[in-house]
Amino acid sequence: MGDRLEEFRSFREKMNARILESGHKGLQRFFALDAQAYAPGALPTRTKELMGLTASMVLRCDDCIAYHLLRCREEGCGREELLDAFNVALVVGGSIVIPHLRRAVALLDEIEAAGGKGG
């Protein structure tokens, strides 16, 4: 896995653990709510991750884009499906999404170069 991907995962895991070990109930509950939102239900996790990716692009959160892009690949989403999700984000969010689209495509290239799923 590329350095950028490993650095992202490592930092995310480390800091999530630090946040959760604080014992703050509100923070713990939000993290639990977030995890539950992506669990299989009426929509499969794969679909929910694509929705999360698209929303993250429209909201212009590069960390969230990276996370959901990795999760989409882990859920088996291919390049063409991801490009469709990127297109929806671009149409909904407008041209301000373009810098985030560039970084998302660069990360997707890195994931594929590292062996595919990102996991």
PDB file of N, CA and C in Angstrom:
ATOM      1  N   MET A   1       0.851  -1.171   0.000  1.00  0.00           N
ATOM      2  CA  MET A   1       0.000   0.000   0.000  1.00  0.00           C
ATOM      3  C   MET A   1       0.893   1.229   0.000  1.00  0.00           C
ATOM      4  N   GLY A   2       0.497   2.252  -0.721  1.00  0.00           N
ATOM      5  CA  GLY A   2       1.284   3.467  -0.818  1.00  0.00           C
ATOM      6  C   GLY A   2       1.446   4.158   0.525  1.00  0.00           C
ATOM      7  N   ASP A   3       2.499   4.958   0.641  1.00  0.00           N
ATOM      8  CA  ASP A   3       2.775   5.673   1.884  1.00  0.00           C
ATOM      9  C   ASP A   3       1.610   6.557   2.301  1.00  0.00           C
ATOM     10  N   ARG A   4       1.026   7.252   1.345  1.00  0.00           N
ATOM     11  CA  ARG A   4      -0.090   8.146   1.665  1.00  0.00           C
ATOM     12  C   ARG A   4      -1.263   7.360   2.243  1.00  0.00           C
ATOM     13  N   LEU A   5      -1.567   6.216   1.659  1.00  0.00           N
ATOM     14  CA  LEU A   5      -2.666   5.397   2.149  1.00  0.00           C
ATOM     15  C   LEU A   5      -2.378   4.860   3.547  1.00  0.00           C
ATOM     16  N   GLU A   6      -1.170   4.365   3.741  1.00  0.00           N
ATOM     17  CA  GLU A   6      -0.806   3.827   5.050  1.00  0.00           C
ATOM     18  C   GLU A   6      -0.781   4.925   6.111  1.00  0.00           C
ATOM     19  N   GLU A   7      -0.263   6.081   5.755  1.00  0.00           N
ATOM     20  CA  GLU A   7      -0.230   7.212   6.679  1.00  0.00           C
ATOM     21  C   GLU A   7      -1.650   7.636   7.066  1.00  0.00           C
ATOM     22  N   PHE A   8      -2.545   7.690   6.090  1.00  0.00           N
ATOM     23  CA  PHE A   8      -3.938   8.052   6.349  1.00  0.00           C
ATOM     24  C   PHE A   8      -4.579   7.056   7.308  1.00  0.00           C
ATOM     25  N   ARG A   9      -4.459   5.773   7.001  1.00  0.00           N
ATOM     26  CA  ARG A   9      -5.072   4.736   7.838  1.00  0.00           C
ATOM     27  C   ARG A   9      -4.497   4.743   9.255  1.00  0.00           C
ATOM     28  N   SER A  10      -3.197   4.840   9.342  1.00  0.00           N
ATOM     29  CA  SER A  10      -2.537   4.804  10.641  1.00  0.00           C
ATOM     30  C   SER A  10      -2.973   5.980  11.514  1.00  0.00           C
ATOM     31  N   PHE A  11      -2.947   7.187  10.942  1.00  0.00           N
ATOM     32  CA  PHE A  11      -3.348   8.374  11.687  1.00  0.00           C
ATOM     33  C   PHE A  11      -4.805   8.289  12.105  1.00  0.00           C
ATOM     34  N   ARG A  12      -5.670   7.868  11.197  1.00  0.00           N
ATOM     35  CA  ARG A  12      -7.100   7.767  11.477  1.00  0.00           C
ATOM     36  C   ARG A  12      -7.352   6.800  12.624  1.00  0.00           C
ATOM     37  N   GLU A  13      -6.751   5.621  12.555  1.00  0.00           N
ATOM     38  CA  GLU A  13      -6.938   4.618  13.604  1.00  0.00           C
ATOM     39  C   GLU A  13      -6.410   5.117  14.947  1.00  0.00           C
ATOM     40  N   LYS A  14      -5.226   5.708  14.937  1.00  0.00           N
ATOM     41  CA  LYS A  14      -4.609   6.217  16.165  1.00  0.00           C
ATOM     42  C   LYS A  14      -5.477   7.288  16.810  1.00  0.00           C
ATOM     43  N   MET A  15      -5.915   8.246  16.016  1.00  0.00           N
ATOM     44  CA  MET A  15      -6.671   9.362  16.575  1.00  0.00           C
ATOM     45  C   MET A  15      -8.094   8.955  16.960  1.00  0.00           C
ATOM     46  N   ASN A  16      -8.712   8.058  16.210  1.00  0.00           N
ATOM     47  CA  ASN A  16     -10.028   7.559  16.619  1.00  0.00           C
ATOM     48  C   ASN A  16      -9.931   6.874  17.974  1.00  0.00           C
ATOM     49  N   ALA A  17      -8.879   6.077  18.163  1.00  0.00           N
ATOM     50  CA  ALA A  17      -8.680   5.406  19.452  1.00  0.00           C
ATOM     51  C   ALA A  17      -8.506   6.433  20.568  1.00  0.00           C
ATOM     52  N   ARG A  18      -7.724   7.473  20.315  1.00  0.00           N
ATOM     53  CA  ARG A  18      -7.507   8.529  21.322  1.00  0.00           C
ATOM     54  C   ARG A  18      -8.821   9.219  21.676  1.00  0.00           C
ATOM     55  N   ILE A  19      -9.617   9.505  20.661  1.00  0.00           N
ATOM     56  CA  ILE A  19     -10.903  10.169  20.901  1.00  0.00           C
ATOM     57  C   ILE A  19     -11.813   9.267  21.723  1.00  0.00           C
ATOM     58  N   LEU A  20     -11.909   8.008  21.345  1.00  0.00           N
ATOM     59  CA  LEU A  20     -12.824   7.089  22.025  1.00  0.00           C
ATOM     60  C   LEU A  20     -12.376   6.752  23.439  1.00  0.00           C
ATOM     61  N   GLU A  21     -11.076   6.723  23.667  1.00  0.00           N
ATOM     62  CA  GLU A  21     -10.584   6.404  25.012  1.00  0.00           C
ATOM     63  C   GLU A  21     -10.813   7.544  26.003  1.00  0.00           C
ATOM     64  N   SER A  22     -11.241   8.693  25.495  1.00  0.00           N
ATOM     65  CA  SER A  22     -11.526   9.815  26.389  1.00  0.00           C
ATOM     66  C   SER A  22     -12.692   9.506  27.322  1.00  0.00           C
ATOM     67  N   GLY A  23     -13.539   8.572  26.893  1.00  0.00           N
ATOM     68  CA  GLY A  23     -14.698   8.211  27.697  1.00  0.00           C
ATOM     69  C   GLY A  23     -15.869   9.169  27.558  1.00  0.00           C
ATOM     70  N   HIS A  24     -15.743  10.167  26.690  1.00  0.00           N
ATOM     71  CA  HIS A  24     -16.824  11.151  26.503  1.00  0.00           C
ATOM     72  C   HIS A  24     -17.997  10.461  25.799  1.00  0.00           C
ATOM     73  N   LYS A  25     -19.117  10.405  26.481  1.00  0.00           N
ATOM     74  CA  LYS A  25     -20.290   9.668  25.971  1.00  0.00           C
ATOM     75  C   LYS A  25     -20.815  10.233  24.652  1.00  0.00           C
ATOM     76  N   GLY A  26     -20.844  11.552  24.519  1.00  0.00           N
ATOM     77  CA  GLY A  26     -21.341  12.152  23.278  1.00  0.00           C
ATOM     78  C   GLY A  26     -20.491  11.760  22.085  1.00  0.00           C
ATOM     79  N   LEU A  27     -19.169  11.814  22.255  1.00  0.00           N
ATOM     80  CA  LEU A  27     -18.266  11.417  21.164  1.00  0.00           C
ATOM     81  C   LEU A  27     -18.419   9.939  20.850  1.00  0.00           C
ATOM     82  N   GLN A  28     -18.479   9.111  21.877  1.00  0.00           N
ATOM     83  CA  GLN A  28     -18.636   7.674  21.669  1.00  0.00           C
ATOM     84  C   GLN A  28     -19.949   7.350  20.959  1.00  0.00           C
ATOM     85  N   ARG A  29     -21.003   8.035  21.349  1.00  0.00           N
ATOM     86  CA  ARG A  29     -22.311   7.783  20.726  1.00  0.00           C
ATOM     87  C   ARG A  29     -22.327   8.197  19.257  1.00  0.00           C
ATOM     88  N   PHE A  30     -21.683   9.326  18.953  1.00  0.00           N
ATOM     89  CA  PHE A  30     -21.646   9.741  17.546  1.00  0.00           C
ATOM     90  C   PHE A  30     -20.867   8.735  16.711  1.00  0.00           C
ATOM     91  N   PHE A  31     -19.730   8.281  17.191  1.00  0.00           N
ATOM     92  CA  PHE A  31     -18.938   7.287  16.456  1.00  0.00           C
ATOM     93  C   PHE A  31     -19.746   6.010  16.255  1.00  0.00           C
ATOM     94  N   ALA A  32     -20.484   5.591  17.273  1.00  0.00           N
ATOM     95  CA  ALA A  32     -21.316   4.389  17.153  1.00  0.00           C
ATOM     96  C   ALA A  32     -22.438   4.604  16.135  1.00  0.00           C
ATOM     97  N   LEU A  33     -23.059   5.786  16.172  1.00  0.00           N
ATOM     98  CA  LEU A  33     -24.121   6.110  15.214  1.00  0.00           C
ATOM     99  C   LEU A  33     -23.590   6.075  13.781  1.00  0.00           C
ATOM    100  N   ASP A  34     -22.393   6.640  13.589  1.00  0.00           N
ATOM    101  CA  ASP A  34     -21.768   6.642  12.271  1.00  0.00           C
ATOM    102  C   ASP A  34     -21.540   5.212  11.784  1.00  0.00           C
ATOM    103  N   ALA A  35     -21.007   4.360  12.641  1.00  0.00           N
ATOM    104  CA  ALA A  35     -20.750   2.968  12.254  1.00  0.00           C
ATOM    105  C   ALA A  35     -22.054   2.254  11.905  1.00  0.00           C
ATOM    106  N   GLN A  36     -23.085   2.477  12.683  1.00  0.00           N
ATOM    107  CA  GLN A  36     -24.375   1.828  12.444  1.00  0.00           C
ATOM    108  C   GLN A  36     -25.020   2.287  11.147  1.00  0.00           C
ATOM    109  N   ALA A  37     -24.789   3.527  10.763  1.00  0.00           N
ATOM    110  CA  ALA A  37     -25.402   4.063   9.543  1.00  0.00           C
ATOM    111  C   ALA A  37     -24.954   3.305   8.301  1.00  0.00           C
ATOM    112  N   TYR A  38     -23.749   2.739   8.331  1.00  0.00           N
ATOM    113  CA  TYR A  38     -23.206   2.043   7.161  1.00  0.00           C
ATOM    114  C   TYR A  38     -23.385   0.532   7.236  1.00  0.00           C
ATOM    115  N   ALA A  39     -24.010   0.042   8.300  1.00  0.00           N
ATOM    116  CA  ALA A  39     -24.286  -1.391   8.417  1.00  0.00           C
ATOM    117  C   ALA A  39     -25.363  -1.778   7.402  1.00  0.00           C
ATOM    118  N   PRO A  40     -25.347  -3.023   6.952  1.00  0.00           N
ATOM    119  CA  PRO A  40     -26.378  -3.457   6.003  1.00  0.00           C
ATOM    120  C   PRO A  40     -27.783  -3.275   6.593  1.00  0.00           C
ATOM    121  N   GLY A  41     -28.685  -2.846   5.754  1.00  0.00           N
ATOM    122  CA  GLY A  41     -30.084  -2.663   6.144  1.00  0.00           C
ATOM    123  C   GLY A  41     -30.917  -2.767   4.885  1.00  0.00           C
ATOM    124  N   ALA A  42     -31.860  -1.852   4.707  1.00  0.00           N
ATOM    125  CA  ALA A  42     -32.642  -1.826   3.476  1.00  0.00           C
ATOM    126  C   ALA A  42     -31.725  -1.590   2.275  1.00  0.00           C
ATOM    127  N   LEU A  43     -30.636  -0.850   2.509  1.00  0.00           N
ATOM    128  CA  LEU A  43     -29.598  -0.659   1.492  1.00  0.00           C
ATOM    129  C   LEU A  43     -28.361  -1.430   1.926  1.00  0.00           C
ATOM    130  N   PRO A  44     -27.675  -2.054   0.977  1.00  0.00           N
ATOM    131  CA  PRO A  44     -26.437  -2.753   1.342  1.00  0.00           C
ATOM    132  C   PRO A  44     -25.328  -1.752   1.677  1.00  0.00           C
ATOM    133  N   THR A  45     -24.360  -2.210   2.443  1.00  0.00           N
ATOM    134  CA  THR A  45     -23.227  -1.367   2.834  1.00  0.00           C
ATOM    135  C   THR A  45     -22.560  -0.733   1.629  1.00  0.00           C
ATOM    136  N   ARG A  46     -22.408  -1.485   0.565  1.00  0.00           N
ATOM    137  CA  ARG A  46     -21.772  -0.982  -0.653  1.00  0.00           C
ATOM    138  C   ARG A  46     -22.467   0.286  -1.160  1.00  0.00           C
ATOM    139  N   THR A  47     -23.780   0.265  -1.216  1.00  0.00           N
ATOM    140  CA  THR A  47     -24.554   1.425  -1.672  1.00  0.00           C
ATOM    141  C   THR A  47     -24.384   2.594  -0.711  1.00  0.00           C
ATOM    142  N   LYS A  48     -24.424   2.295   0.578  1.00  0.00           N
ATOM    143  CA  LYS A  48     -24.266   3.349   1.580  1.00  0.00           C
ATOM    144  C   LYS A  48     -22.880   3.988   1.493  1.00  0.00           C
ATOM    145  N   GLU A  49     -21.852   3.198   1.221  1.00  0.00           N
ATOM    146  CA  GLU A  49     -20.505   3.753   1.083  1.00  0.00           C
ATOM    147  C   GLU A  49     -20.408   4.649  -0.155  1.00  0.00           C
ATOM    148  N   LEU A  50     -21.058   4.247  -1.253  1.00  0.00           N
ATOM    149  CA  LEU A  50     -21.089   5.114  -2.434  1.00  0.00           C
ATOM    150  C   LEU A  50     -21.805   6.431  -2.125  1.00  0.00           C
ATOM    151  N   MET A  51     -22.873   6.347  -1.343  1.00  0.00           N
ATOM    152  CA  MET A  51     -23.581   7.569  -0.936  1.00  0.00           C
ATOM    153  C   MET A  51     -22.683   8.430  -0.050  1.00  0.00           C
ATOM    154  N   GLY A  52     -21.971   7.791   0.864  1.00  0.00           N
ATOM    155  CA  GLY A  52     -21.049   8.523   1.729  1.00  0.00           C
ATOM    156  C   GLY A  52     -19.946   9.197   0.939  1.00  0.00           C
ATOM    157  N   LEU A  53     -19.432   8.500  -0.065  1.00  0.00           N
ATOM    158  CA  LEU A  53     -18.392   9.062  -0.928  1.00  0.00           C
ATOM    159  C   LEU A  53     -18.916  10.289  -1.670  1.00  0.00           C
ATOM    160  N   THR A  54     -20.074  10.174  -2.252  1.00  0.00           N
ATOM    161  CA  THR A  54     -20.656  11.281  -3.003  1.00  0.00           C
ATOM    162  C   THR A  54     -20.927  12.480  -2.091  1.00  0.00           C
ATOM    163  N   ALA A  55     -21.514  12.220  -0.931  1.00  0.00           N
ATOM    164  CA  ALA A  55     -21.787  13.315   0.009  1.00  0.00           C
ATOM    165  C   ALA A  55     -20.484  13.971   0.468  1.00  0.00           C
ATOM    166  N   SER A  56     -19.464  13.165   0.709  1.00  0.00           N
ATOM    167  CA  SER A  56     -18.178  13.712   1.162  1.00  0.00           C
ATOM    168  C   SER A  56     -17.544  14.599   0.106  1.00  0.00           C
ATOM    169  N   MET A  57     -17.717  14.225  -1.158  1.00  0.00           N
ATOM    170  CA  MET A  57     -17.175  15.053  -2.234  1.00  0.00           C
ATOM    171  C   MET A  57     -17.924  16.385  -2.308  1.00  0.00           C
ATOM    172  N   VAL A  58     -19.235  16.335  -2.192  1.00  0.00           N
ATOM    173  CA  VAL A  58     -20.028  17.567  -2.237  1.00  0.00           C
ATOM    174  C   VAL A  58     -19.687  18.458  -1.039  1.00  0.00           C
ATOM    175  N   LEU A  59     -19.440  17.837   0.114  1.00  0.00           N
ATOM    176  CA  LEU A  59     -19.083  18.596   1.317  1.00  0.00           C
ATOM    177  C   LEU A  59     -17.604  18.991   1.335  1.00  0.00           C
ATOM    178  N   ARG A  60     -16.842  18.449   0.399  1.00  0.00           N
ATOM    179  CA  ARG A  60     -15.431  18.793   0.192  1.00  0.00           C
ATOM    180  C   ARG A  60     -14.546  18.443   1.392  1.00  0.00           C
ATOM    181  N   CYS A  61     -14.733  17.208   1.893  1.00  0.00           N
ATOM    182  CA  CYS A  61     -13.920  16.713   3.010  1.00  0.00           C
ATOM    183  C   CYS A  61     -12.970  15.637   2.485  1.00  0.00           C
ATOM    184  N   ASP A  62     -11.710  16.002   2.281  1.00  0.00           N
ATOM    185  CA  ASP A  62     -10.751  15.059   1.700  1.00  0.00           C
ATOM    186  C   ASP A  62     -10.531  13.821   2.559  1.00  0.00           C
ATOM    187  N   ASP A  63     -10.505  13.962   3.888  1.00  0.00           N
ATOM    188  CA  ASP A  63     -10.363  12.775   4.742  1.00  0.00           C
ATOM    189  C   ASP A  63     -11.549  11.833   4.560  1.00  0.00           C
ATOM    190  N   CYS A  64     -12.751  12.388   4.519  1.00  0.00           N
ATOM    191  CA  CYS A  64     -13.947  11.570   4.336  1.00  0.00           C
ATOM    192  C   CYS A  64     -13.962  10.925   2.952  1.00  0.00           C
ATOM    193  N   ILE A  65     -13.547  11.665   1.950  1.00  0.00           N
ATOM    194  CA  ILE A  65     -13.458  11.111   0.593  1.00  0.00           C
ATOM    195  C   ILE A  65     -12.511   9.924   0.591  1.00  0.00           C
ATOM    196  N   ALA A  66     -11.333  10.089   1.191  1.00  0.00           N
ATOM    197  CA  ALA A  66     -10.353   8.994   1.231  1.00  0.00           C
ATOM    198  C   ALA A  66     -10.933   7.784   1.950  1.00  0.00           C
ATOM    199  N   TYR A  67     -11.548   8.005   3.093  1.00  0.00           N
ATOM    200  CA  TYR A  67     -12.118   6.902   3.857  1.00  0.00           C
ATOM    201  C   TYR A  67     -13.174   6.161   3.044  1.00  0.00           C
ATOM    202  N   HIS A  68     -14.130   6.896   2.477  1.00  0.00           N
ATOM    203  CA  HIS A  68     -15.214   6.247   1.737  1.00  0.00           C
ATOM    204  C   HIS A  68     -14.724   5.625   0.434  1.00  0.00           C
ATOM    205  N   LEU A  69     -13.721   6.205  -0.177  1.00  0.00           N
ATOM    206  CA  LEU A  69     -13.146   5.606  -1.380  1.00  0.00           C
ATOM    207  C   LEU A  69     -12.510   4.259  -1.041  1.00  0.00           C
ATOM    208  N   LEU A  70     -11.762   4.217   0.040  1.00  0.00           N
ATOM    209  CA  LEU A  70     -11.185   2.946   0.498  1.00  0.00           C
ATOM    210  C   LEU A  70     -12.282   1.936   0.823  1.00  0.00           C
ATOM    211  N   ARG A  71     -13.297   2.368   1.545  1.00  0.00           N
ATOM    212  CA  ARG A  71     -14.398   1.464   1.906  1.00  0.00           C
ATOM    213  C   ARG A  71     -15.155   0.983   0.673  1.00  0.00           C
ATOM    214  N   CYS A  72     -15.363   1.868  -0.298  1.00  0.00           N
ATOM    215  CA  CYS A  72     -16.026   1.454  -1.545  1.00  0.00           C
ATOM    216  C   CYS A  72     -15.230   0.353  -2.236  1.00  0.00           C
ATOM    217  N   ARG A  73     -13.925   0.521  -2.286  1.00  0.00           N
ATOM    218  CA  ARG A  73     -13.095  -0.517  -2.912  1.00  0.00           C
ATOM    219  C   ARG A  73     -13.162  -1.816  -2.117  1.00  0.00           C
ATOM    220  N   GLU A  74     -13.136  -1.716  -0.785  1.00  0.00           N
ATOM    221  CA  GLU A  74     -13.260  -2.910   0.048  1.00  0.00           C
ATOM    222  C   GLU A  74     -14.592  -3.604  -0.177  1.00  0.00           C
ATOM    223  N   GLU A  75     -15.622  -2.835  -0.478  1.00  0.00           N
ATOM    224  CA  GLU A  75     -16.948  -3.390  -0.743  1.00  0.00           C
ATOM    225  C   GLU A  75     -17.097  -3.877  -2.184  1.00  0.00           C
ATOM    226  N   GLY A  76     -16.038  -3.752  -2.975  1.00  0.00           N
ATOM    227  CA  GLY A  76     -16.045  -4.308  -4.322  1.00  0.00           C
ATOM    228  C   GLY A  76     -16.420  -3.354  -5.434  1.00  0.00           C
ATOM    229  N   CYS A  77     -16.506  -2.080  -5.161  1.00  0.00           N
ATOM    230  CA  CYS A  77     -16.843  -1.107  -6.207  1.00  0.00           C
ATOM    231  C   CYS A  77     -15.680  -0.987  -7.191  1.00  0.00           C
ATOM    232  N   GLY A  78     -16.008  -1.017  -8.458  1.00  0.00           N
ATOM    233  CA  GLY A  78     -15.013  -0.865  -9.511  1.00  0.00           C
ATOM    234  C   GLY A  78     -14.849   0.583  -9.932  1.00  0.00           C
ATOM    235  N   ARG A  79     -13.851   0.812 -10.758  1.00  0.00           N
ATOM    236  CA  ARG A  79     -13.528   2.167 -11.223  1.00  0.00           C
ATOM    237  C   ARG A  79     -14.731   2.832 -11.893  1.00  0.00           C
ATOM    238  N   GLU A  80     -15.435   2.121 -12.736  1.00  0.00           N
ATOM    239  CA  GLU A  80     -16.569   2.727 -13.460  1.00  0.00           C
ATOM    240  C   GLU A  80     -17.676   3.153 -12.502  1.00  0.00           C
ATOM    241  N   GLU A  81     -17.943   2.336 -11.478  1.00  0.00           N
ATOM    242  CA  GLU A  81     -18.948   2.722 -10.483  1.00  0.00           C
ATOM    243  C   GLU A  81     -18.499   3.970  -9.724  1.00  0.00           C
ATOM    244  N   LEU A  82     -17.230   4.011  -9.379  1.00  0.00           N
ATOM    245  CA  LEU A  82     -16.700   5.167  -8.648  1.00  0.00           C
ATOM    246  C   LEU A  82     -16.740   6.420  -9.512  1.00  0.00           C
ATOM    247  N   LEU A  83     -16.424   6.283 -10.790  1.00  0.00           N
ATOM    248  CA  LEU A  83     -16.506   7.441 -11.688  1.00  0.00           C
ATOM    249  C   LEU A  83     -17.940   7.947 -11.791  1.00  0.00           C
ATOM    250  N   ASP A  84     -18.916   7.039 -11.791  1.00  0.00           N
ATOM    251  CA  ASP A  84     -20.322   7.462 -11.775  1.00  0.00           C
ATOM    252  C   ASP A  84     -20.648   8.234 -10.504  1.00  0.00           C
ATOM    253  N   ALA A  85     -20.157   7.744  -9.354  1.00  0.00           N
ATOM    254  CA  ALA A  85     -20.386   8.450  -8.089  1.00  0.00           C
ATOM    255  C   ALA A  85     -19.708   9.818  -8.117  1.00  0.00           C
ATOM    256  N   PHE A  86     -18.486   9.879  -8.658  1.00  0.00           N
ATOM    257  CA  PHE A  86     -17.781  11.166  -8.785  1.00  0.00           C
ATOM    258  C   PHE A  86     -18.597  12.129  -9.646  1.00  0.00           C
ATOM    259  N   ASN A  87     -19.190  11.604 -10.717  1.00  0.00           N
ATOM    260  CA  ASN A  87     -19.983  12.442 -11.613  1.00  0.00           C
ATOM    261  C   ASN A  87     -21.202  13.020 -10.899  1.00  0.00           C
ATOM    262  N   VAL A  88     -21.883  12.191 -10.109  1.00  0.00           N
ATOM    263  CA  VAL A  88     -23.034  12.685  -9.351  1.00  0.00           C
ATOM    264  C   VAL A  88     -22.582  13.791  -8.405  1.00  0.00           C
ATOM    265  N   ALA A  89     -21.466  13.575  -7.717  1.00  0.00           N
ATOM    266  CA  ALA A  89     -20.950  14.594  -6.795  1.00  0.00           C
ATOM    267  C   ALA A  89     -20.639  15.894  -7.528  1.00  0.00           C
ATOM    268  N   LEU A  90     -20.055  15.779  -8.691  1.00  0.00           N
ATOM    269  CA  LEU A  90     -19.712  16.964  -9.478  1.00  0.00           C
ATOM    270  C   LEU A  90     -20.966  17.716  -9.924  1.00  0.00           C
ATOM    271  N   VAL A  91     -21.974  16.980 -10.375  1.00  0.00           N
ATOM    272  CA  VAL A  91     -23.221  17.614 -10.817  1.00  0.00           C
ATOM    273  C   VAL A  91     -23.925  18.286  -9.638  1.00  0.00           C
ATOM    274  N   VAL A  92     -23.972  17.604  -8.502  1.00  0.00           N
ATOM    275  CA  VAL A  92     -24.647  18.159  -7.334  1.00  0.00           C
ATOM    276  C   VAL A  92     -23.849  19.326  -6.737  1.00  0.00           C
ATOM    277  N   GLY A  93     -22.529  19.153  -6.623  1.00  0.00           N
ATOM    278  CA  GLY A  93     -21.700  20.139  -5.948  1.00  0.00           C
ATOM    279  C   GLY A  93     -21.174  21.250  -6.820  1.00  0.00           C
ATOM    280  N   GLY A  94     -21.119  21.028  -8.115  1.00  0.00           N
ATOM    281  CA  GLY A  94     -20.612  22.041  -9.025  1.00  0.00           C
ATOM    282  C   GLY A  94     -19.095  22.037  -9.142  1.00  0.00           C
ATOM    283  N   SER A  95     -18.579  23.029  -9.829  1.00  0.00           N
ATOM    284  CA  SER A  95     -17.153  23.056 -10.179  1.00  0.00           C
ATOM    285  C   SER A  95     -16.238  23.138  -8.959  1.00  0.00           C
ATOM    286  N   ILE A  96     -16.743  23.566  -7.813  1.00  0.00           N
ATOM    287  CA  ILE A  96     -15.898  23.630  -6.624  1.00  0.00           C
ATOM    288  C   ILE A  96     -15.465  22.234  -6.163  1.00  0.00           C
ATOM    289  N   VAL A  97     -16.138  21.204  -6.651  1.00  0.00           N
ATOM    290  CA  VAL A  97     -15.785  19.817  -6.327  1.00  0.00           C
ATOM    291  C   VAL A  97     -14.559  19.353  -7.119  1.00  0.00           C
ATOM    292  N   ILE A  98     -14.227  20.027  -8.204  1.00  0.00           N
ATOM    293  CA  ILE A  98     -13.162  19.564  -9.099  1.00  0.00           C
ATOM    294  C   ILE A  98     -11.829  19.314  -8.388  1.00  0.00           C
ATOM    295  N   PRO A  99     -11.332  20.195  -7.513  1.00  0.00           N
ATOM    296  CA  PRO A  99     -10.063  19.875  -6.835  1.00  0.00           C
ATOM    297  C   PRO A  99     -10.141  18.576  -6.024  1.00  0.00           C
ATOM    298  N   HIS A 100     -11.278  18.312  -5.430  1.00  0.00           N
ATOM    299  CA  HIS A 100     -11.467  17.087  -4.643  1.00  0.00           C
ATOM    300  C   HIS A 100     -11.608  15.878  -5.557  1.00  0.00           C
ATOM    301  N   LEU A 101     -12.206  16.089  -6.711  1.00  0.00           N
ATOM    302  CA  LEU A 101     -12.291  15.047  -7.727  1.00  0.00           C
ATOM    303  C   LEU A 101     -10.887  14.651  -8.188  1.00  0.00           C
ATOM    304  N   ARG A 102     -10.035  15.633  -8.402  1.00  0.00           N
ATOM    305  CA  ARG A 102      -8.653  15.341  -8.808  1.00  0.00           C
ATOM    306  C   ARG A 102      -7.951  14.480  -7.768  1.00  0.00           C
ATOM    307  N   ARG A 103      -8.071  14.868  -6.497  1.00  0.00           N
ATOM    308  CA  ARG A 103      -7.410  14.112  -5.436  1.00  0.00           C
ATOM    309  C   ARG A 103      -8.020  12.720  -5.288  1.00  0.00           C
ATOM    310  N   ALA A 104      -9.320  12.598  -5.494  1.00  0.00           N
ATOM    311  CA  ALA A 104      -9.973  11.288  -5.410  1.00  0.00           C
ATOM    312  C   ALA A 104      -9.478  10.363  -6.512  1.00  0.00           C
ATOM    313  N   VAL A 105      -9.345  10.879  -7.727  1.00  0.00           N
ATOM    314  CA  VAL A 105      -8.841  10.063  -8.837  1.00  0.00           C
ATOM    315  C   VAL A 105      -7.384   9.675  -8.589  1.00  0.00           C
ATOM    316  N   ALA A 106      -6.589  10.598  -8.063  1.00  0.00           N
ATOM    317  CA  ALA A 106      -5.190  10.286  -7.735  1.00  0.00           C
ATOM    318  C   ALA A 106      -5.123   9.185  -6.682  1.00  0.00           C
ATOM    319  N   LEU A 107      -5.988   9.255  -5.676  1.00  0.00           N
ATOM    320  CA  LEU A 107      -6.013   8.229  -4.645  1.00  0.00           C
ATOM    321  C   LEU A 107      -6.488   6.895  -5.206  1.00  0.00           C
ATOM    322  N   LEU A 108      -7.475   6.929  -6.066  1.00  0.00           N
ATOM    323  CA  LEU A 108      -7.948   5.702  -6.709  1.00  0.00           C
ATOM    324  C   LEU A 108      -6.815   5.070  -7.516  1.00  0.00           C
ATOM    325  N   ASP A 109      -6.065   5.876  -8.249  1.00  0.00           N
ATOM    326  CA  ASP A 109      -4.904   5.358  -8.987  1.00  0.00           C
ATOM    327  C   ASP A 109      -3.906   4.700  -8.035  1.00  0.00           C
ATOM    328  N   GLU A 110      -3.684   5.336  -6.888  1.00  0.00           N
ATOM    329  CA  GLU A 110      -2.748   4.799  -5.895  1.00  0.00           C
ATOM    330  C   GLU A 110      -3.257   3.475  -5.316  1.00  0.00           C
ATOM    331  N   ILE A 111      -4.545   3.409  -5.029  1.00  0.00           N
ATOM    332  CA  ILE A 111      -5.142   2.174  -4.508  1.00  0.00           C
ATOM    333  C   ILE A 111      -4.978   1.051  -5.529  1.00  0.00           C
ATOM    334  N   GLU A 112      -5.273   1.355  -6.782  1.00  0.00           N
ATOM    335  CA  GLU A 112      -5.165   0.328  -7.829  1.00  0.00           C
ATOM    336  C   GLU A 112      -3.719  -0.103  -8.033  1.00  0.00           C
ATOM    337  N   ALA A 113      -2.792   0.843  -7.953  1.00  0.00           N
ATOM    338  CA  ALA A 113      -1.370   0.506  -8.111  1.00  0.00           C
ATOM    339  C   ALA A 113      -0.880  -0.361  -6.956  1.00  0.00           C
ATOM    340  N   ALA A 114      -1.504  -0.193  -5.777  1.00  0.00           N
ATOM    341  CA  ALA A 114      -1.101  -0.947  -4.597  1.00  0.00           C
ATOM    342  C   ALA A 114      -1.737  -2.340  -4.549  1.00  0.00           C
ATOM    343  N   GLY A 115      -2.586  -2.640  -5.496  1.00  0.00           N
ATOM    344  CA  GLY A 115      -3.143  -3.983  -5.522  1.00  0.00           C
ATOM    345  C   GLY A 115      -4.639  -4.065  -5.564  1.00  0.00           C
ATOM    346  N   GLY A 116      -5.321  -2.957  -5.690  1.00  0.00           N
ATOM    347  CA  GLY A 116      -6.735  -3.045  -5.974  1.00  0.00           C
ATOM    348  C   GLY A 116      -7.722  -2.579  -4.960  1.00  0.00           C
ATOM    349  N   LYS A 117      -7.960  -3.354  -3.896  1.00  0.00           N
ATOM    350  CA  LYS A 117      -9.085  -3.057  -3.019  1.00  0.00           C
ATOM    351  C   LYS A 117      -8.811  -1.970  -2.007  1.00  0.00           C
ATOM    352  N   GLY A 118      -7.563  -1.682  -1.728  1.00  0.00           N
ATOM    353  CA  GLY A 118      -7.275  -0.669  -0.736  1.00  0.00           C
ATOM    354  C   GLY A 118      -7.308  -1.201   0.674  1.00  0.00           C
ATOM    355  N   GLY A 119      -7.545  -2.483   0.822  1.00  0.00           N
ATOM    356  CA  GLY A 119      -7.686  -3.044   2.151  1.00  0.00           C
ATOM    357  C   GLY A 119      -6.569  -3.883   2.607  1.00  0.00           C
TER     358      GLY A 119
END
